[in-house]
Protein backbone atom coordinates (compact mmCIF):
# COMPACT_ATOMS: atom_id res chain seq x y z
CA MET A 1 -14.15 -10.31 -16.81
CA THR A 2 -13.80 -13.47 -18.87
CA ASP A 3 -14.74 -17.04 -18.10
CA ASP A 4 -11.04 -17.95 -18.21
CA GLN A 5 -10.33 -15.52 -15.41
CA PHE A 6 -12.86 -17.28 -13.23
CA THR A 7 -11.45 -20.80 -13.70
CA PRO A 8 -11.27 -22.38 -10.22
CA VAL A 9 -7.84 -23.19 -8.81
CA SER A 10 -7.52 -26.92 -8.10
CA SER A 11 -4.98 -26.51 -5.29
CA PRO A 12 -5.30 -23.09 -3.68
CA LEU A 13 -2.24 -21.67 -1.95
CA PRO A 14 -2.25 -21.49 1.88
CA VAL A 15 -2.42 -17.70 2.01
CA SER A 16 -5.08 -15.23 3.10
CA ALA A 17 -5.10 -11.99 1.12
CA ALA A 18 -6.25 -9.08 3.31
CA ILE A 19 -7.66 -5.99 1.58
CA ILE A 20 -9.26 -2.80 2.89
CA CYS A 21 -11.31 -0.68 0.54
CA LEU A 22 -13.56 2.33 0.15
CA ASN A 23 -15.00 3.24 -3.26
CA GLU A 24 -12.47 1.23 -5.27
CA ALA A 25 -14.70 0.22 -8.18
CA ALA A 26 -12.07 1.21 -10.73
CA CYS A 27 -9.41 -1.19 -9.49
CA ILE A 28 -10.78 -3.80 -7.05
CA GLY A 29 -11.46 -6.27 -9.87
CA ALA A 30 -7.83 -6.39 -11.04
CA CYS A 31 -6.69 -6.84 -7.45
CA ILE A 32 -9.02 -9.80 -6.86
CA GLU A 33 -8.15 -11.47 -10.17
CA SER A 34 -4.44 -11.40 -9.32
CA LEU A 35 -5.26 -13.34 -6.12
CA ARG A 36 -7.09 -16.21 -7.81
CA ALA A 37 -4.65 -18.78 -6.36
CA ALA A 38 -5.19 -17.68 -2.75
CA ALA A 39 -7.20 -19.95 -0.47
CA GLU A 40 -8.90 -16.93 1.11
CA ILE A 41 -9.53 -13.30 0.16
CA ILE A 42 -10.67 -11.09 3.03
CA ILE A 43 -12.09 -7.69 2.07
CA VAL A 44 -12.92 -5.16 4.77
CA ASP A 45 -15.03 -2.32 3.37
CA SER A 46 -15.60 0.88 5.33
CA GLY A 47 -18.73 2.07 3.55
CA SER A 48 -18.36 2.17 -0.22
CA THR A 49 -21.08 4.06 -2.07
CA ASP A 50 -19.99 3.34 -5.65
CA ARG A 51 -20.13 -0.07 -7.40
CA THR A 52 -17.36 -1.58 -5.26
CA LEU A 53 -19.61 -3.89 -3.23
CA ASP A 54 -21.52 -5.08 -6.30
CA ILE A 55 -18.24 -5.94 -8.03
CA ILE A 56 -16.95 -7.80 -4.97
CA ARG A 57 -20.18 -9.81 -4.63
CA ASP A 58 -19.99 -10.69 -8.32
CA TYR A 59 -16.46 -12.07 -7.87
CA ALA A 60 -17.52 -13.85 -4.67
CA ARG A 61 -19.55 -16.31 -6.74
CA THR A 62 -16.30 -17.95 -7.80
CA TYR A 63 -13.50 -16.52 -5.71
CA PRO A 64 -13.08 -17.42 -2.00
CA ILE A 65 -14.04 -13.95 -0.80
CA ARG A 66 -15.11 -13.03 2.71
CA LEU A 67 -16.62 -9.53 2.71
CA VAL A 68 -16.84 -7.67 6.02
CA HIS A 69 -17.99 -4.16 6.89
CA GLN A 70 -15.99 -2.14 9.40
CA ASP A 71 -16.35 1.57 10.04
CA TRP A 72 -13.08 3.40 9.46
CA LEU A 73 -10.57 2.87 12.27
CA GLY A 74 -7.53 4.53 10.70
CA PHE A 75 -5.09 3.01 8.22
CA ALA A 76 -3.10 0.79 10.57
CA ALA A 77 -6.06 -0.40 12.64
CA GLN A 78 -8.20 -1.05 9.55
CA LYS A 79 -5.50 -3.16 7.92
CA GLN A 80 -4.86 -5.03 11.15
CA CYS A 81 -8.59 -5.74 11.39
CA ALA A 82 -8.46 -7.40 7.96
CA CYS A 83 -5.32 -9.39 8.81
CA ASP A 84 -6.79 -10.60 12.11
CA LEU A 85 -9.54 -12.36 10.15
CA ALA A 86 -7.02 -14.48 8.23
CA THR A 87 -7.25 -18.26 8.73
CA GLN A 88 -4.42 -19.43 6.47
CA PRO A 89 -0.76 -20.05 7.48
CA TRP A 90 0.40 -17.02 5.45
CA VAL A 91 -1.08 -13.52 5.16
CA LEU A 92 -0.69 -11.10 2.26
CA SER A 93 -1.65 -7.50 3.03
CA ILE A 94 -2.49 -5.82 -0.27
CA ASP A 95 -4.17 -2.53 -1.13
CA ALA A 96 -7.24 -2.41 -3.35
CA ASP A 97 -5.35 -0.45 -6.02
CA GLU A 98 -2.55 -3.02 -6.16
CA SER A 99 -2.24 -6.36 -7.94
CA LEU A 100 0.31 -9.13 -8.36
CA ASP A 101 1.79 -9.28 -11.84
CA ALA A 102 2.13 -12.65 -13.59
CA ASN A 103 5.73 -13.18 -12.45
CA LEU A 104 4.91 -12.49 -8.81
CA GLN A 105 1.92 -14.82 -8.99
CA ALA A 106 4.22 -17.53 -10.34
CA ALA A 107 6.72 -16.89 -7.52
CA LEU A 108 4.13 -17.07 -4.76
CA PRO A 109 4.27 -20.87 -4.20
CA ASP A 110 8.04 -20.69 -3.65
CA LEU A 111 7.65 -17.81 -1.21
CA LEU A 112 5.14 -19.77 0.84
CA ASN A 113 7.52 -22.74 0.94
CA ALA A 114 10.23 -20.62 2.55
CA PRO A 115 12.53 -22.14 5.21
CA PRO A 116 11.11 -21.94 8.76
CA ASP A 117 13.53 -19.19 9.77
CA ILE A 118 12.03 -16.78 7.22
CA THR A 119 9.14 -14.87 8.78
CA GLY A 120 8.07 -12.96 5.72
CA TRP A 121 8.83 -11.29 2.43
CA LYS A 122 9.24 -7.80 1.09
CA LEU A 123 7.63 -7.39 -2.33
CA ARG A 124 8.83 -4.94 -4.96
CA ARG A 125 6.16 -2.38 -5.83
CA SER A 126 6.11 -0.31 -9.00
CA ARG A 127 3.54 2.41 -9.57
CA LYS A 128 1.75 3.60 -12.67
CA PHE A 129 2.15 7.20 -13.69
CA TYR A 130 -0.94 9.27 -14.43
CA GLY A 131 -2.54 8.89 -17.83
CA PRO A 132 -4.82 6.24 -19.37
CA GLN A 133 -2.13 5.07 -21.81
CA THR A 134 0.81 5.34 -19.41
CA ARG A 135 2.42 2.04 -18.51
CA LEU A 136 4.13 1.21 -15.28
CA SER A 137 7.55 2.80 -15.36
CA GLN A 138 10.27 0.45 -16.57
CA PHE A 139 12.99 2.73 -15.22
CA ALA A 140 11.92 3.85 -11.74
CA ARG A 141 13.30 1.75 -8.90
CA PRO A 142 10.54 -0.32 -7.26
CA ALA A 143 9.99 0.20 -3.54
CA LYS A 144 10.50 -2.88 -1.34
CA ILE A 145 7.59 -3.27 1.09
CA PHE A 146 7.00 -5.92 3.76
CA ARG A 147 3.60 -7.39 2.86
CA LEU A 148 3.73 -11.20 3.08
CA TYR A 149 4.22 -12.92 6.44
CA ARG A 150 3.50 -16.04 8.45
CA ASN A 151 0.18 -15.68 10.23
CA GLY A 152 0.67 -14.32 13.75
CA SER A 153 4.29 -13.24 13.24
CA ALA A 154 3.75 -9.57 12.33
CA ARG A 155 1.41 -6.71 13.14
CA PHE A 156 0.80 -3.14 12.07
CA ASP A 157 2.05 -0.43 14.40
CA MET A 158 -1.02 1.39 15.74
CA ALA A 159 1.11 4.51 16.29
CA ASP A 160 1.41 4.92 12.52
CA LEU A 161 -1.32 7.30 11.37
CA VAL A 162 -0.09 7.18 7.76
CA HIS A 163 2.40 5.16 5.69
CA GLU A 164 1.63 2.31 8.06
CA GLY A 165 3.88 -0.72 7.98
CA LEU A 166 4.07 -4.24 9.34
CA ARG A 167 6.44 -4.90 12.24
CA THR A 168 8.09 -8.21 13.08
CA LYS A 169 11.06 -9.51 15.03
CA GLY A 170 11.66 -12.30 12.57
CA ARG A 171 13.77 -12.57 9.44
CA VAL A 172 12.36 -10.81 6.37
CA GLU A 173 13.77 -11.39 2.88
CA THR A 174 13.13 -9.62 -0.42
CA CYS A 175 11.41 -11.30 -3.35
CA TRP A 176 13.22 -10.28 -6.54
CA ARG A 177 10.77 -11.96 -8.88
CA GLY A 178 7.80 -10.04 -10.23
CA LEU A 179 6.18 -6.84 -9.08
CA LEU A 180 3.33 -5.63 -6.94
CA ARG A 181 1.69 -3.29 -9.42
CA HIS A 182 0.39 -0.06 -7.91
CA GLU A 183 -2.27 1.43 -10.14
CA GLY A 184 -3.03 4.46 -7.97
CA ALA A 185 -2.35 7.43 -10.25
CA PHE A 186 -4.20 10.73 -10.04
CA PRO A 187 -4.06 14.08 -11.82
CA VAL A 188 -1.87 16.59 -10.00
CA GLU A 189 -4.72 18.49 -8.32
CA LYS A 190 -6.11 15.30 -6.75
CA GLN A 191 -2.70 13.89 -5.91
CA MET A 192 -1.70 17.08 -4.09
CA GLY A 193 -4.90 16.92 -2.06
CA LYS A 194 -4.02 13.35 -1.09
CA GLU A 195 -0.46 14.37 -0.20
CA ALA A 196 -1.79 17.21 1.96
CA ARG A 197 -4.00 14.78 3.93
CA TYR A 198 -1.07 12.41 4.40
CA ALA A 199 1.20 15.28 5.46
CA PHE A 200 -1.37 16.34 8.07
CA LEU A 201 -1.52 12.79 9.48
CA LYS A 202 2.27 12.52 9.49
CA ALA A 203 2.54 15.82 11.38
CA GLN A 204 -0.09 14.61 13.86
CA GLN A 205 1.91 11.43 14.38
CA ARG A 206 5.02 13.44 15.16
CA MET A 207 3.13 15.58 17.67
CA HIS A 208 1.76 12.46 19.38
CA ASN A 209 5.33 11.17 19.64
CA GLY A 210 6.48 14.42 21.24
CA LYS A 211 8.76 15.41 18.38
CA LYS A 212 9.62 19.08 17.91
CA PRO A 213 9.86 20.66 14.45
CA LYS A 214 13.36 21.43 13.20
CA LEU A 215 14.35 24.38 11.04
CA LEU A 216 16.90 22.38 9.05
CA ARG A 217 14.27 19.79 8.16
CA LEU A 218 11.92 22.53 6.98
CA MET A 219 14.69 24.03 4.85
CA PHE A 220 16.32 20.95 3.36
CA SER A 221 13.90 18.01 3.61
CA PRO A 222 11.94 18.95 0.45
CA PHE A 223 15.16 19.39 -1.54
CA TYR A 224 16.53 16.06 -0.29
CA ARG A 225 13.26 14.28 -1.08
CA PHE A 226 13.30 15.71 -4.58
CA LEU A 227 16.87 14.58 -5.28
CA ARG A 228 16.28 11.17 -3.72
CA SER A 229 13.24 10.59 -5.92
CA LEU A 230 14.93 11.92 -9.03
CA LEU A 231 18.26 10.14 -8.63
CA LEU A 232 18.01 7.20 -6.22
CA ASP A 233 14.54 6.18 -7.39
CA ARG A 234 15.64 6.90 -10.99
CA LEU A 235 12.67 9.10 -11.82
CA ILE A 236 15.06 11.21 -13.85
CA LEU A 237 14.80 8.47 -16.49
CA CYS A 238 11.00 8.71 -16.64
CA GLY A 239 10.60 11.96 -18.53
CA ARG A 240 8.05 14.57 -17.56
CA GLN A 241 6.03 12.15 -15.46
CA GLY A 242 9.09 11.31 -13.40
CA TRP A 243 9.77 15.02 -12.86
CA ILE A 244 6.18 15.55 -11.71
CA GLU A 245 6.45 12.62 -9.29
CA ALA A 246 9.70 13.96 -7.82
CA GLN A 247 8.22 17.43 -7.37
CA THR A 248 5.13 15.91 -5.74
CA ALA A 249 7.34 14.02 -3.28
CA ALA A 250 9.14 17.26 -2.44
CA ALA A 251 5.80 19.03 -1.90
CA TYR A 252 4.73 16.27 0.52
CA ALA A 253 7.97 16.69 2.47
CA PHE A 254 7.48 20.46 2.65
CA MET A 255 3.85 20.22 3.76
CA THR A 256 4.76 17.69 6.45
CA GLU A 257 7.41 20.00 7.94
CA ALA A 258 5.26 23.14 7.63
CA ILE A 259 2.16 21.57 9.17
CA HIS A 260 4.25 20.07 11.97
CA TYR A 261 5.68 23.50 12.75
CA GLN A 262 2.26 25.17 12.76
CA MET A 263 0.78 22.44 14.98
CA TRP A 264 3.68 22.89 17.40
CA MET A 265 3.14 26.68 17.48
CA ASP A 266 -0.57 26.22 18.22
CA ALA A 267 0.28 23.77 21.02
CA GLN A 268 2.61 26.31 22.61
CA LYS A 269 -0.19 28.89 22.74
CA HIS A 270 -2.32 26.59 24.87
CA LYS A 271 0.35 25.78 27.44
């Protein structure tokens, strides 16, 4: 952290950045630094035991940070908790392992000056492949995610146990300038553990919604997910790392379908 990075912003932008975190010492600093122009940075921590809180308090000397503790409520509820604390006209929901690149930071003032009929913006997110020297892929297609909205015009769906997203009835446009950099990259053994947890939550969500497992989904969903990642997301252009990412996506799809089927079988036994 350099003195230049801590230079105060003379005219902060009317946006509240809302972050949830738990043991994010490796990446929370980069996230905060990319938000230096925001008028408010709200961080809701659910019980970090590493250096995360010390790092946040260090940044809070200069950055407009409001640090709050909240026991874990689930992804959607935890993020909504952070957004509900926002006081600025615009809200940016951002994960602790994400950051705004220089181009997106430069575009932010224009996004906040959007015409009144625009409720919010989808931001393009590009992830980093695993490896200390691996850069963000220049070939993979960035995902477009709704993250920036006028305060009070969008909310997270509490029915989403995983892959939670903001919902709004207003007009949402896509920002084509800059990227939301996703630094979350793990070795395969850790990534597969994460995918297994997400698959379990996704299967739970389906059960709560009364959805029955389908044989065709079990058979073909992993294959479709693999091809979609490889071709539509252009991971085929990313070498071995792209192949690993596509296979990981297919494994997530398989685990989701398999766990859903097993949960459904167990539920039938208790009827």
